[in-house]
Amino acid sequence: MLIRQFMAVFELFSGLRYVSGDPLDMDWVIKKPVACYMKPDYGTCKGHFTRYFYNDSNYKCRSFDYSGCGGNGNNFDSQRECRFLCGVKYDPDKDPCLRPPGKRWCPTSPRYPGMWYFDKKTETCVPFIYYQCALDRNVFPSCDKCKKECQRHMHVLQTCPE
């Protein structure tokens, strides 16, 4: 029991996830985005769209019927996108959603109001004024683009303003 409690705390604070075998062997991997562990969610509308979800029990991306609104972040347009964002190719160091937003002010740079960044603490896309001081990757021209890129980190899919 104590080992399992330790594992839960270690996973929470380290960003690593125990995957298999004896816990004392410490067989850990980099934690995938939170949505990759969620069950597929049909959503709340009446539409029928083929989407893909990551099945954590067999490590494969599978199709499911999506209603068109609501749901969670384990919802991808293609099997390729699903594999890239939740499968073995996922690399958190290259994930723009986990990077800090470009909030530095540069007096010589132009201002771009109406830009969006993903806030990993609130799991939402947030508007801000972008100053283009550096090559920032956590910067999106709209809420919808931010949501599409970062939905794998959302427990609940965000509804963007019109």
N, C-alpha and C. Protein backbone atom coordinates (compact mmCIF):
# COMPACT_ATOMS: atom_id res chain seq x y z
N MET A 1 0.83 -1.20 0.00
CA MET A 1 0.00 0.00 0.00
C MET A 1 0.87 1.26 0.00
N LEU A 2 1.91 1.27 0.79
CA LEU A 2 2.79 2.42 0.88
C LEU A 2 3.48 2.69 -0.46
N ILE A 3 3.85 1.63 -1.17
CA ILE A 3 4.49 1.79 -2.48
C ILE A 3 3.53 2.46 -3.45
N ARG A 4 2.27 2.05 -3.46
CA ARG A 4 1.29 2.66 -4.38
C ARG A 4 1.06 4.14 -4.05
N GLN A 5 1.03 4.48 -2.76
CA GLN A 5 0.88 5.89 -2.38
C GLN A 5 2.09 6.69 -2.85
N PHE A 6 3.27 6.15 -2.66
CA PHE A 6 4.48 6.81 -3.12
C PHE A 6 4.43 7.01 -4.63
N MET A 7 4.00 5.97 -5.36
CA MET A 7 3.93 6.06 -6.83
C MET A 7 2.99 7.18 -7.25
N ALA A 8 1.83 7.29 -6.60
CA ALA A 8 0.86 8.32 -6.97
C ALA A 8 1.43 9.72 -6.75
N VAL A 9 2.09 9.93 -5.62
CA VAL A 9 2.70 11.24 -5.34
C VAL A 9 3.85 11.50 -6.30
N PHE A 10 4.66 10.49 -6.56
CA PHE A 10 5.80 10.65 -7.47
C PHE A 10 5.31 11.02 -8.88
N GLU A 11 4.26 10.34 -9.37
CA GLU A 11 3.71 10.64 -10.69
C GLU A 11 3.20 12.07 -10.75
N LEU A 12 2.51 12.49 -9.70
CA LEU A 12 1.92 13.82 -9.68
C LEU A 12 2.97 14.92 -9.80
N PHE A 13 4.08 14.78 -9.09
CA PHE A 13 5.07 15.85 -9.05
C PHE A 13 6.23 15.68 -10.03
N SER A 14 6.44 14.52 -10.58
CA SER A 14 7.62 14.31 -11.42
C SER A 14 7.34 14.41 -12.91
N GLY A 15 6.08 14.24 -13.32
CA GLY A 15 5.79 14.20 -14.74
C GLY A 15 6.10 12.85 -15.35
N LEU A 16 6.43 11.86 -14.53
CA LEU A 16 6.69 10.51 -15.00
C LEU A 16 5.52 9.63 -14.62
N ARG A 17 5.33 8.56 -15.35
CA ARG A 17 4.20 7.66 -15.11
C ARG A 17 4.70 6.22 -15.07
N TYR A 18 4.28 5.49 -14.04
CA TYR A 18 4.60 4.07 -13.93
C TYR A 18 3.84 3.31 -14.99
N VAL A 19 4.51 2.42 -15.75
CA VAL A 19 3.82 1.74 -16.84
C VAL A 19 3.57 0.25 -16.64
N SER A 20 4.49 -0.51 -16.08
CA SER A 20 4.23 -1.95 -15.95
C SER A 20 5.26 -2.61 -15.04
N GLY A 21 4.95 -3.86 -14.70
CA GLY A 21 5.91 -4.66 -13.95
C GLY A 21 5.89 -4.37 -12.46
N ASP A 22 6.95 -4.73 -11.80
CA ASP A 22 7.10 -4.55 -10.37
C ASP A 22 7.40 -3.08 -10.09
N PRO A 23 6.63 -2.42 -9.20
CA PRO A 23 6.88 -1.01 -8.91
C PRO A 23 8.31 -0.74 -8.44
N LEU A 24 8.94 -1.73 -7.84
CA LEU A 24 10.30 -1.51 -7.37
C LEU A 24 11.31 -1.47 -8.50
N ASP A 25 10.93 -1.93 -9.70
CA ASP A 25 11.83 -1.83 -10.85
C ASP A 25 11.86 -0.42 -11.42
N MET A 26 10.90 0.40 -11.02
CA MET A 26 10.82 1.78 -11.48
C MET A 26 10.81 1.88 -13.00
N ASP A 27 9.90 1.18 -13.62
CA ASP A 27 9.72 1.23 -15.07
C ASP A 27 8.81 2.42 -15.39
N TRP A 28 9.40 3.59 -15.60
CA TRP A 28 8.65 4.83 -15.76
C TRP A 28 8.81 5.38 -17.17
N VAL A 29 7.83 6.14 -17.61
CA VAL A 29 7.92 6.83 -18.89
C VAL A 29 7.45 8.28 -18.70
N ILE A 30 7.75 9.12 -19.67
CA ILE A 30 7.26 10.49 -19.62
C ILE A 30 5.74 10.46 -19.72
N LYS A 31 5.10 11.21 -18.86
CA LYS A 31 3.64 11.23 -18.82
C LYS A 31 3.08 11.87 -20.09
N LYS A 32 2.09 11.24 -20.66
CA LYS A 32 1.39 11.78 -21.83
C LYS A 32 0.40 12.84 -21.35
N PRO A 33 -0.11 13.66 -22.27
CA PRO A 33 -1.12 14.65 -21.87
C PRO A 33 -2.33 13.98 -21.21
N VAL A 34 -2.96 14.71 -20.31
CA VAL A 34 -4.04 14.16 -19.49
C VAL A 34 -5.17 13.57 -20.33
N ALA A 35 -5.51 14.18 -21.44
CA ALA A 35 -6.64 13.69 -22.25
C ALA A 35 -6.38 12.31 -22.83
N CYS A 36 -5.13 11.93 -22.98
CA CYS A 36 -4.81 10.63 -23.57
C CYS A 36 -5.28 9.47 -22.70
N TYR A 37 -5.58 9.73 -21.43
CA TYR A 37 -6.02 8.68 -20.51
C TYR A 37 -7.54 8.69 -20.31
N MET A 38 -8.24 9.59 -20.99
CA MET A 38 -9.70 9.70 -20.82
C MET A 38 -10.43 8.76 -21.78
N LYS A 39 -11.60 8.35 -21.37
CA LYS A 39 -12.47 7.56 -22.24
C LYS A 39 -13.03 8.49 -23.32
N PRO A 40 -13.34 7.96 -24.50
CA PRO A 40 -13.92 8.83 -25.52
C PRO A 40 -15.28 9.35 -25.06
N ASP A 41 -15.58 10.59 -25.40
CA ASP A 41 -16.84 11.22 -25.00
C ASP A 41 -17.59 11.64 -26.25
N TYR A 42 -18.78 11.09 -26.45
CA TYR A 42 -19.60 11.36 -27.63
C TYR A 42 -19.95 12.84 -27.75
N GLY A 43 -20.09 13.55 -26.64
CA GLY A 43 -20.48 14.96 -26.67
C GLY A 43 -21.97 15.12 -26.45
N THR A 44 -22.46 16.35 -26.67
CA THR A 44 -23.84 16.67 -26.29
C THR A 44 -24.75 17.07 -27.45
N CYS A 45 -24.25 17.10 -28.66
CA CYS A 45 -25.09 17.50 -29.81
C CYS A 45 -25.64 16.28 -30.54
N LYS A 46 -26.25 16.50 -31.67
CA LYS A 46 -26.92 15.42 -32.41
C LYS A 46 -26.18 15.01 -33.68
N GLY A 47 -25.01 15.60 -33.96
CA GLY A 47 -24.28 15.28 -35.18
C GLY A 47 -23.59 13.93 -35.12
N HIS A 48 -23.04 13.52 -36.24
CA HIS A 48 -22.30 12.25 -36.32
C HIS A 48 -21.03 12.49 -37.13
N PHE A 49 -19.90 12.55 -36.43
CA PHE A 49 -18.62 12.79 -37.08
C PHE A 49 -17.64 11.70 -36.63
N THR A 50 -16.88 11.17 -37.56
CA THR A 50 -15.86 10.18 -37.20
C THR A 50 -14.66 10.92 -36.64
N ARG A 51 -14.29 10.57 -35.44
CA ARG A 51 -13.11 11.11 -34.77
C ARG A 51 -12.32 9.94 -34.22
N TYR A 52 -11.15 10.24 -33.65
CA TYR A 52 -10.26 9.21 -33.13
C TYR A 52 -9.90 9.54 -31.69
N PHE A 53 -9.79 8.49 -30.87
CA PHE A 53 -9.37 8.64 -29.48
C PHE A 53 -8.22 7.69 -29.20
N TYR A 54 -7.41 8.04 -28.20
CA TYR A 54 -6.30 7.18 -27.80
C TYR A 54 -6.79 6.23 -26.73
N ASN A 55 -6.65 4.92 -26.98
CA ASN A 55 -7.06 3.89 -26.04
C ASN A 55 -5.84 3.49 -25.21
N ASP A 56 -5.80 3.94 -23.98
CA ASP A 56 -4.64 3.71 -23.12
C ASP A 56 -4.46 2.24 -22.75
N SER A 57 -5.50 1.44 -22.84
CA SER A 57 -5.36 0.03 -22.46
C SER A 57 -4.62 -0.79 -23.51
N ASN A 58 -4.71 -0.40 -24.79
CA ASN A 58 -3.96 -1.16 -25.81
C ASN A 58 -3.00 -0.27 -26.61
N TYR A 59 -2.86 1.00 -26.19
CA TYR A 59 -1.90 1.94 -26.78
C TYR A 59 -2.15 2.17 -28.27
N LYS A 60 -3.42 2.18 -28.67
CA LYS A 60 -3.77 2.39 -30.08
C LYS A 60 -4.82 3.49 -30.20
N CYS A 61 -4.86 4.11 -31.36
CA CYS A 61 -5.88 5.11 -31.66
C CYS A 61 -7.03 4.42 -32.39
N ARG A 62 -8.24 4.66 -31.92
CA ARG A 62 -9.43 4.02 -32.47
C ARG A 62 -10.44 5.08 -32.88
N SER A 63 -11.30 4.75 -33.83
CA SER A 63 -12.33 5.69 -34.26
C SER A 63 -13.53 5.62 -33.31
N PHE A 64 -14.28 6.73 -33.24
CA PHE A 64 -15.54 6.76 -32.50
C PHE A 64 -16.44 7.81 -33.13
N ASP A 65 -17.70 7.76 -32.80
CA ASP A 65 -18.70 8.68 -33.34
C ASP A 65 -18.80 9.88 -32.40
N TYR A 66 -18.55 11.09 -32.91
CA TYR A 66 -18.58 12.32 -32.12
C TYR A 66 -19.78 13.16 -32.55
N SER A 67 -20.45 13.78 -31.57
CA SER A 67 -21.67 14.54 -31.85
C SER A 67 -21.43 15.92 -32.45
N GLY A 68 -20.23 16.46 -32.27
CA GLY A 68 -19.93 17.78 -32.82
C GLY A 68 -19.72 18.87 -31.80
N CYS A 69 -20.10 18.65 -30.54
CA CYS A 69 -19.83 19.65 -29.50
C CYS A 69 -19.70 18.94 -28.15
N GLY A 70 -19.04 19.64 -27.21
CA GLY A 70 -18.77 19.05 -25.91
C GLY A 70 -17.70 17.99 -26.01
N GLY A 71 -17.71 17.06 -25.08
CA GLY A 71 -16.70 16.01 -25.09
C GLY A 71 -15.48 16.38 -24.28
N ASN A 72 -14.38 15.69 -24.53
CA ASN A 72 -13.14 15.97 -23.83
C ASN A 72 -11.99 16.06 -24.84
N GLY A 73 -10.79 16.20 -24.34
CA GLY A 73 -9.63 16.41 -25.21
C GLY A 73 -9.13 15.19 -25.94
N ASN A 74 -9.63 14.01 -25.61
CA ASN A 74 -9.21 12.79 -26.30
C ASN A 74 -10.11 12.63 -27.53
N ASN A 75 -9.92 13.54 -28.48
CA ASN A 75 -10.81 13.68 -29.63
C ASN A 75 -9.99 14.29 -30.77
N PHE A 76 -9.61 13.48 -31.74
CA PHE A 76 -8.70 13.92 -32.79
C PHE A 76 -9.30 13.74 -34.17
N ASP A 77 -8.93 14.63 -35.09
CA ASP A 77 -9.46 14.60 -36.46
C ASP A 77 -9.00 13.39 -37.25
N SER A 78 -7.80 12.90 -36.95
CA SER A 78 -7.25 11.78 -37.73
C SER A 78 -6.51 10.81 -36.81
N GLN A 79 -6.34 9.60 -37.30
CA GLN A 79 -5.58 8.61 -36.56
C GLN A 79 -4.12 9.06 -36.43
N ARG A 80 -3.61 9.68 -37.47
CA ARG A 80 -2.22 10.16 -37.45
C ARG A 80 -2.03 11.22 -36.36
N GLU A 81 -2.96 12.18 -36.28
CA GLU A 81 -2.89 13.21 -35.25
C GLU A 81 -2.95 12.58 -33.86
N CYS A 82 -3.82 11.61 -33.67
CA CYS A 82 -3.96 10.91 -32.40
C CYS A 82 -2.65 10.23 -32.01
N ARG A 83 -2.06 9.50 -32.95
CA ARG A 83 -0.79 8.80 -32.67
C ARG A 83 0.32 9.79 -32.33
N PHE A 84 0.36 10.90 -33.04
CA PHE A 84 1.42 11.88 -32.82
C PHE A 84 1.28 12.55 -31.45
N LEU A 85 0.04 12.84 -31.04
CA LEU A 85 -0.18 13.59 -29.82
C LEU A 85 -0.31 12.73 -28.57
N CYS A 86 -0.65 11.46 -28.72
CA CYS A 86 -0.79 10.58 -27.55
C CYS A 86 0.04 9.31 -27.65
N GLY A 87 0.46 8.93 -28.82
CA GLY A 87 1.19 7.67 -29.00
C GLY A 87 2.66 7.79 -28.69
N VAL A 88 3.43 6.85 -29.20
CA VAL A 88 4.86 6.78 -28.87
C VAL A 88 5.65 7.96 -29.38
N LYS A 89 5.14 8.71 -30.34
CA LYS A 89 5.89 9.84 -30.89
C LYS A 89 5.75 11.11 -30.04
N TYR A 90 4.91 11.10 -29.02
CA TYR A 90 4.71 12.31 -28.21
C TYR A 90 5.99 12.67 -27.46
N ASP A 91 6.42 13.93 -27.60
CA ASP A 91 7.61 14.44 -26.93
C ASP A 91 7.23 15.73 -26.21
N PRO A 92 7.14 15.72 -24.88
CA PRO A 92 6.71 16.92 -24.15
C PRO A 92 7.64 18.11 -24.36
N ASP A 93 8.92 17.86 -24.66
CA ASP A 93 9.84 18.97 -24.90
C ASP A 93 9.50 19.75 -26.16
N LYS A 94 8.78 19.11 -27.08
CA LYS A 94 8.41 19.77 -28.33
C LYS A 94 6.95 20.21 -28.34
N ASP A 95 6.27 20.09 -27.23
CA ASP A 95 4.86 20.43 -27.14
C ASP A 95 4.71 21.93 -26.88
N PRO A 96 4.19 22.70 -27.85
CA PRO A 96 4.08 24.15 -27.66
C PRO A 96 3.15 24.53 -26.52
N CYS A 97 2.19 23.68 -26.21
CA CYS A 97 1.22 23.99 -25.17
C CYS A 97 1.84 23.98 -23.77
N LEU A 98 2.96 23.33 -23.61
CA LEU A 98 3.61 23.26 -22.30
C LEU A 98 4.65 24.35 -22.12
N ARG A 99 4.90 25.14 -23.15
CA ARG A 99 5.87 26.22 -23.09
C ARG A 99 5.21 27.46 -22.49
N PRO A 100 5.99 28.33 -21.84
CA PRO A 100 5.38 29.57 -21.35
C PRO A 100 5.02 30.47 -22.54
N PRO A 101 3.98 31.29 -22.39
CA PRO A 101 3.60 32.18 -23.50
C PRO A 101 4.59 33.32 -23.63
N GLY A 102 4.66 33.90 -24.81
CA GLY A 102 5.55 35.04 -25.04
C GLY A 102 4.94 36.32 -24.50
N LYS A 103 5.14 36.59 -23.21
CA LYS A 103 4.53 37.76 -22.58
C LYS A 103 5.54 38.90 -22.35
N ARG A 104 6.76 38.73 -22.81
CA ARG A 104 7.76 39.78 -22.60
C ARG A 104 7.41 41.00 -23.44
N TRP A 105 7.69 42.17 -22.91
CA TRP A 105 7.44 43.41 -23.64
C TRP A 105 8.73 43.86 -24.30
N CYS A 106 8.67 44.17 -25.58
CA CYS A 106 9.83 44.66 -26.33
C CYS A 106 9.44 45.99 -26.97
N PRO A 107 10.12 47.07 -26.61
CA PRO A 107 9.72 48.38 -27.13
C PRO A 107 9.81 48.51 -28.64
N THR A 108 10.68 47.74 -29.29
CA THR A 108 10.84 47.86 -30.74
C THR A 108 9.97 46.88 -31.53
N SER A 109 9.28 46.00 -30.84
CA SER A 109 8.46 45.00 -31.53
C SER A 109 7.02 45.48 -31.67
N PRO A 110 6.35 45.07 -32.74
CA PRO A 110 4.94 45.44 -32.89
C PRO A 110 4.07 44.68 -31.91
N ARG A 111 2.92 45.27 -31.61
CA ARG A 111 1.94 44.61 -30.72
C ARG A 111 0.94 43.84 -31.56
N TYR A 112 0.55 42.67 -31.06
CA TYR A 112 -0.47 41.86 -31.72
C TYR A 112 -1.57 41.54 -30.70
N PRO A 113 -2.57 42.42 -30.57
CA PRO A 113 -3.67 42.09 -29.65
C PRO A 113 -4.53 40.98 -30.25
N GLY A 114 -5.26 40.32 -29.40
CA GLY A 114 -6.17 39.28 -29.88
C GLY A 114 -5.51 37.93 -30.12
N MET A 115 -4.29 37.75 -29.66
CA MET A 115 -3.62 36.45 -29.76
C MET A 115 -4.03 35.61 -28.55
N TRP A 116 -3.77 34.31 -28.64
CA TRP A 116 -4.15 33.37 -27.58
C TRP A 116 -2.97 32.49 -27.20
N TYR A 117 -2.93 32.07 -25.94
CA TYR A 117 -1.95 31.08 -25.50
C TYR A 117 -2.67 30.05 -24.62
N PHE A 118 -2.05 28.88 -24.48
CA PHE A 118 -2.62 27.84 -23.63
C PHE A 118 -2.04 27.95 -22.23
N ASP A 119 -2.92 28.08 -21.23
CA ASP A 119 -2.52 28.13 -19.83
C ASP A 119 -2.65 26.72 -19.26
N LYS A 120 -1.53 26.07 -19.01
CA LYS A 120 -1.59 24.67 -18.57
C LYS A 120 -2.16 24.52 -17.16
N LYS A 121 -2.12 25.57 -16.34
CA LYS A 121 -2.70 25.47 -14.99
C LYS A 121 -4.22 25.43 -15.03
N THR A 122 -4.81 26.26 -15.88
CA THR A 122 -6.28 26.30 -15.96
C THR A 122 -6.82 25.39 -17.06
N GLU A 123 -5.92 24.82 -17.88
CA GLU A 123 -6.28 23.96 -19.01
C GLU A 123 -7.23 24.67 -19.98
N THR A 124 -6.96 25.96 -20.21
CA THR A 124 -7.78 26.74 -21.14
C THR A 124 -6.90 27.62 -22.02
N CYS A 125 -7.48 28.06 -23.12
CA CYS A 125 -6.82 29.03 -24.00
C CYS A 125 -7.22 30.42 -23.53
N VAL A 126 -6.24 31.31 -23.43
CA VAL A 126 -6.43 32.63 -22.83
C VAL A 126 -5.97 33.71 -23.82
N PRO A 127 -6.76 34.80 -23.97
CA PRO A 127 -6.33 35.89 -24.85
C PRO A 127 -5.23 36.73 -24.19
N PHE A 128 -4.35 37.30 -25.01
CA PHE A 128 -3.32 38.19 -24.50
C PHE A 128 -2.76 39.04 -25.64
N ILE A 129 -1.96 40.04 -25.28
CA ILE A 129 -1.29 40.88 -26.29
C ILE A 129 0.11 40.32 -26.48
N TYR A 130 0.42 39.99 -27.70
CA TYR A 130 1.71 39.37 -28.04
C TYR A 130 2.63 40.43 -28.62
N TYR A 131 3.89 40.47 -28.14
CA TYR A 131 4.86 41.47 -28.58
C TYR A 131 5.93 40.93 -29.52
N GLN A 132 5.92 39.68 -29.82
CA GLN A 132 6.86 39.04 -30.75
C GLN A 132 8.32 39.36 -30.41
N CYS A 133 8.69 39.12 -29.17
CA CYS A 133 10.08 39.36 -28.75
C CYS A 133 10.98 38.19 -29.09
N ALA A 134 10.44 37.05 -29.18
CA ALA A 134 11.24 35.85 -29.45
C ALA A 134 10.38 34.90 -30.26
N LEU A 135 10.97 33.81 -30.63
CA LEU A 135 10.23 32.80 -31.38
C LEU A 135 9.45 31.94 -30.39
N ASP A 136 8.25 32.38 -30.08
CA ASP A 136 7.41 31.69 -29.11
C ASP A 136 6.50 30.71 -29.83
N ARG A 137 6.34 29.54 -29.24
CA ARG A 137 5.49 28.53 -29.87
C ARG A 137 4.12 28.45 -29.24
N ASN A 138 3.97 28.94 -28.02
CA ASN A 138 2.66 28.92 -27.36
C ASN A 138 1.92 30.23 -27.66
N VAL A 139 1.74 30.50 -28.93
CA VAL A 139 1.04 31.69 -29.40
C VAL A 139 0.16 31.27 -30.57
N PHE A 140 -1.12 31.61 -30.50
CA PHE A 140 -2.07 31.19 -31.53
C PHE A 140 -2.91 32.38 -31.97
N PRO A 141 -3.29 32.44 -33.26
CA PRO A 141 -4.05 33.58 -33.77
C PRO A 141 -5.53 33.59 -33.35
N SER A 142 -6.02 32.48 -32.81
CA SER A 142 -7.42 32.42 -32.39
C SER A 142 -7.58 31.38 -31.28
N CYS A 143 -8.69 31.49 -30.57
CA CYS A 143 -9.02 30.51 -29.54
C CYS A 143 -9.18 29.13 -30.16
N ASP A 144 -9.83 29.06 -31.33
CA ASP A 144 -10.05 27.77 -31.99
C ASP A 144 -8.74 27.08 -32.36
N LYS A 145 -7.76 27.85 -32.85
CA LYS A 145 -6.46 27.25 -33.21
C LYS A 145 -5.74 26.76 -31.95
N CYS A 146 -5.82 27.54 -30.88
CA CYS A 146 -5.21 27.15 -29.60
C CYS A 146 -5.87 25.87 -29.08
N LYS A 147 -7.19 25.84 -29.12
CA LYS A 147 -7.94 24.67 -28.63
C LYS A 147 -7.59 23.42 -29.43
N LYS A 148 -7.52 23.56 -30.75
CA LYS A 148 -7.20 22.40 -31.60
C LYS A 148 -5.81 21.86 -31.28
N GLU A 149 -4.86 22.75 -31.08
CA GLU A 149 -3.48 22.34 -30.82
C GLU A 149 -3.32 21.77 -29.41
N CYS A 150 -4.07 22.29 -28.44
CA CYS A 150 -3.80 21.96 -27.04
C CYS A 150 -4.91 21.16 -26.35
N GLN A 151 -5.93 20.71 -27.08
CA GLN A 151 -7.05 20.01 -26.45
C GLN A 151 -6.62 18.75 -25.70
N ARG A 152 -5.51 18.17 -26.06
CA ARG A 152 -5.04 16.96 -25.39
C ARG A 152 -4.69 17.21 -23.92
N HIS A 153 -4.57 18.49 -23.54
CA HIS A 153 -4.27 18.84 -22.15
C HIS A 153 -5.51 19.31 -21.40
N MET A 154 -6.68 19.22 -22.03
CA MET A 154 -7.92 19.70 -21.40
C MET A 154 -8.75 18.53 -20.89
N HIS A 155 -9.18 18.61 -19.64
CA HIS A 155 -10.13 17.63 -19.12
C HIS A 155 -11.49 17.82 -19.80
N VAL A 156 -11.87 19.06 -20.01
CA VAL A 156 -13.13 19.41 -20.65
C VAL A 156 -12.81 20.32 -21.83
N LEU A 157 -13.39 20.04 -23.00
CA LEU A 157 -13.13 20.89 -24.16
C LEU A 157 -13.68 22.29 -23.92
N GLN A 158 -12.86 23.27 -24.17
CA GLN A 158 -13.24 24.67 -24.01
C GLN A 158 -14.17 25.10 -25.15
N THR A 159 -15.15 25.94 -24.82
CA THR A 159 -15.99 26.56 -25.84
C THR A 159 -15.41 27.93 -26.13
N CYS A 160 -14.99 28.17 -27.36
CA CYS A 160 -14.38 29.44 -27.72
C CYS A 160 -15.46 30.47 -28.05
N PRO A 161 -15.18 31.76 -27.79
CA PRO A 161 -16.15 32.79 -28.17
C PRO A 161 -16.28 32.89 -29.68
N GLU A 162 -17.43 33.31 -30.14
CA GLU A 162 -17.67 33.45 -31.60
C GLU A 162 -16.89 34.60 -32.17
